[in-house]
Amino acid sequence: MDQEYTTILVPVDGSDEAELAFSKAVKVAQTNHAHLDILNVLDTKQFIGGYGGMISGDAIYQLTQDAQKYLEGLQERAEKAGLADVAIHVRFGNPKNVIATDFPHDHKTDLIMIGATGLNAVERVLVGSVTEYVNRTAPCDVLIVKTEA
């Protein structure tokens, strides 16, 4: 059975693993003539400062602007590679939930291409891997990118 994908999601966070996933997602989107959504999720837990206080609105604004600029650079790279149908998104929330269920539901995603976890074994046990959670709970196909080839 041939599988054609029409809407591909690639979540990115600036890591090497996310870069690999992005590069492969561009190629798969080209092959399938698919729409590519590039998503950066800003974890709302990061907005809690030391001693339980909130960080300033200015700091949150700057984080959002930085994420937007990062995504615009990726969008430009995808378009230079020949993709015409690319959208960028910044979302707030728990990355596991946003990537695995919220975003795919809102955008009718049929493939998520995500980098392999960058966490070490202890961190995976304590907090769990976003990649593992997405793989287990997403309503669509998930491709975990581990290599460049």
Protein backbone atom coordinates (compact mmCIF):
# COMPACT_ATOMS: atom_id res chain seq x y z
CA MET A 1 0.00 0.00 0.00
CA ASP A 2 1.33 3.41 -0.94
CA GLN A 3 0.96 6.04 1.75
CA GLU A 4 0.62 9.62 0.62
CA TYR A 5 0.82 12.34 3.20
CA THR A 6 -0.86 15.70 2.68
CA THR A 7 -0.10 17.50 5.95
CA ILE A 8 3.22 16.94 7.70
CA LEU A 9 4.17 18.34 11.10
CA VAL A 10 7.76 18.79 12.18
CA PRO A 11 8.22 20.09 15.74
CA VAL A 12 11.53 21.91 16.24
CA ASP A 13 13.40 23.22 19.26
CA GLY A 14 16.84 24.14 17.95
CA SER A 15 18.41 20.78 18.84
CA ASP A 16 20.51 18.68 16.47
CA GLU A 17 17.78 16.03 16.51
CA ALA A 18 15.15 18.58 15.47
CA GLU A 19 17.43 19.79 12.67
CA LEU A 20 17.66 16.24 11.29
CA ALA A 21 13.88 15.89 11.48
CA PHE A 22 13.38 19.22 9.73
CA SER A 23 15.72 18.32 6.87
CA LYS A 24 13.99 14.98 6.29
CA ALA A 25 10.52 16.52 6.64
CA VAL A 26 11.32 18.96 3.83
CA LYS A 27 12.31 16.04 1.58
CA VAL A 28 9.22 13.99 2.46
CA ALA A 29 6.95 17.01 1.92
CA GLN A 30 8.54 17.56 -1.51
CA THR A 31 8.07 13.91 -2.47
CA ASN A 32 4.43 13.93 -1.38
CA HIS A 33 3.64 17.47 -2.59
CA ALA A 34 2.47 18.01 0.99
CA HIS A 35 1.86 20.97 3.24
CA LEU A 36 4.58 21.32 5.92
CA ASP A 37 3.83 22.75 9.36
CA ILE A 38 6.90 23.79 11.35
CA LEU A 39 6.06 24.06 15.05
CA ASN A 40 7.92 25.41 18.05
CA VAL A 41 6.24 24.87 21.42
CA LEU A 42 7.19 27.21 24.23
CA ASP A 43 6.80 25.18 27.41
CA THR A 44 4.75 27.28 29.85
CA LYS A 45 6.69 25.74 32.76
CA GLN A 46 9.68 27.79 31.64
CA PHE A 47 7.78 31.00 32.44
CA ILE A 48 7.95 30.29 36.17
CA GLY A 49 11.04 31.97 37.55
CA GLY A 50 13.05 31.19 40.63
CA TYR A 51 11.15 30.67 43.90
CA GLY A 52 7.87 30.10 42.04
CA GLY A 53 7.57 33.66 40.69
CA MET A 54 6.59 34.45 37.12
CA ILE A 55 9.17 35.81 34.71
CA SER A 56 8.41 39.22 33.22
CA GLY A 57 6.14 39.84 30.28
CA ASP A 58 9.12 41.37 28.48
CA ALA A 59 11.06 38.11 28.83
CA ILE A 60 8.09 36.09 27.51
CA TYR A 61 7.73 38.51 24.61
CA GLN A 62 11.44 38.14 23.79
CA LEU A 63 11.19 34.33 23.88
CA THR A 64 8.25 34.51 21.49
CA GLN A 65 10.09 36.86 19.13
CA ASP A 66 13.18 34.61 19.17
CA ALA A 67 11.04 31.55 18.37
CA GLN A 68 9.32 33.40 15.52
CA LYS A 69 12.66 34.49 14.04
CA TYR A 70 14.03 30.92 14.30
CA LEU A 71 10.95 29.54 12.53
CA GLU A 72 11.10 32.18 9.80
CA GLY A 73 14.66 31.05 9.06
CA LEU A 74 13.51 27.44 8.75
CA GLN A 75 10.59 28.48 6.54
CA GLU A 76 12.97 30.33 4.26
CA ARG A 77 15.22 27.27 4.02
CA ALA A 78 12.25 25.04 3.15
CA GLU A 79 11.06 27.45 0.48
CA LYS A 80 14.57 27.72 -1.01
CA ALA A 81 14.58 23.91 -1.20
CA GLY A 82 11.48 24.13 -3.39
CA LEU A 83 8.58 23.75 -0.96
CA ALA A 84 5.74 26.14 -1.73
CA ASP A 85 3.29 25.17 1.02
CA VAL A 86 4.99 25.86 4.38
CA ALA A 87 3.54 27.37 7.55
CA ILE A 88 5.21 28.24 10.84
CA HIS A 89 3.59 28.13 14.26
CA VAL A 90 4.53 29.13 17.80
CA ARG A 91 2.37 27.53 20.49
CA PHE A 92 2.39 27.74 24.26
CA GLY A 93 1.79 24.76 26.55
CA ASN A 94 3.09 21.34 27.39
CA PRO A 95 5.12 20.20 24.34
CA LYS A 96 3.98 16.58 24.76
CA ASN A 97 0.28 17.45 24.54
CA VAL A 98 0.58 20.17 21.92
CA ILE A 99 2.66 18.03 19.53
CA ALA A 100 0.88 14.71 20.11
CA THR A 101 -2.76 15.76 20.14
CA ASP A 102 -3.67 19.46 20.10
CA PHE A 103 -1.86 20.56 16.95
CA PRO A 104 -2.58 17.42 14.87
CA HIS A 105 -6.27 17.72 15.73
CA ASP A 106 -6.43 21.42 14.80
CA HIS A 107 -4.49 21.03 11.53
CA LYS A 108 -5.51 17.54 10.36
CA THR A 109 -1.91 16.31 10.45
CA ASP A 110 -1.37 12.88 8.92
CA LEU A 111 2.37 12.53 9.64
CA ILE A 112 4.54 13.84 12.47
CA MET A 113 8.28 13.76 11.83
CA ILE A 114 10.11 14.25 15.11
CA GLY A 115 13.72 13.99 16.18
CA ALA A 116 14.87 11.23 18.49
CA THR A 117 15.11 12.30 22.11
CA GLY A 118 18.04 14.33 23.33
CA LEU A 119 17.43 13.42 26.96
CA ASN A 120 19.76 11.12 28.83
CA ALA A 121 18.47 7.89 30.42
CA VAL A 122 17.87 9.45 33.86
CA GLU A 123 15.90 12.40 32.40
CA ARG A 124 13.76 10.02 30.33
CA VAL A 125 12.86 8.06 33.46
CA LEU A 126 12.05 11.18 35.49
CA VAL A 127 10.22 13.38 32.96
CA GLY A 128 9.72 11.12 29.96
CA SER A 129 10.65 11.81 26.40
CA VAL A 130 8.46 14.07 24.27
CA THR A 131 9.28 11.83 21.30
CA GLU A 132 8.23 8.69 23.15
CA TYR A 133 4.97 10.32 24.28
CA VAL A 134 4.17 11.56 20.76
CA ASN A 135 4.91 8.13 19.30
CA ARG A 136 2.60 6.47 21.82
CA THR A 137 -0.36 8.88 21.72
CA ALA A 138 -0.50 10.72 18.38
CA PRO A 139 -3.60 10.02 16.24
CA CYS A 140 -1.51 9.84 13.06
CA ASP A 141 1.66 8.23 11.75
CA VAL A 142 4.86 9.22 13.55
CA LEU A 143 8.30 8.96 12.00
CA ILE A 144 11.18 9.25 14.48
CA VAL A 145 14.22 10.65 12.71
CA LYS A 146 17.57 9.31 13.91
CA THR A 147 19.93 9.67 10.96
CA GLU A 148 20.81 12.09 8.19
CA ALA A 149 20.44 9.61 5.33
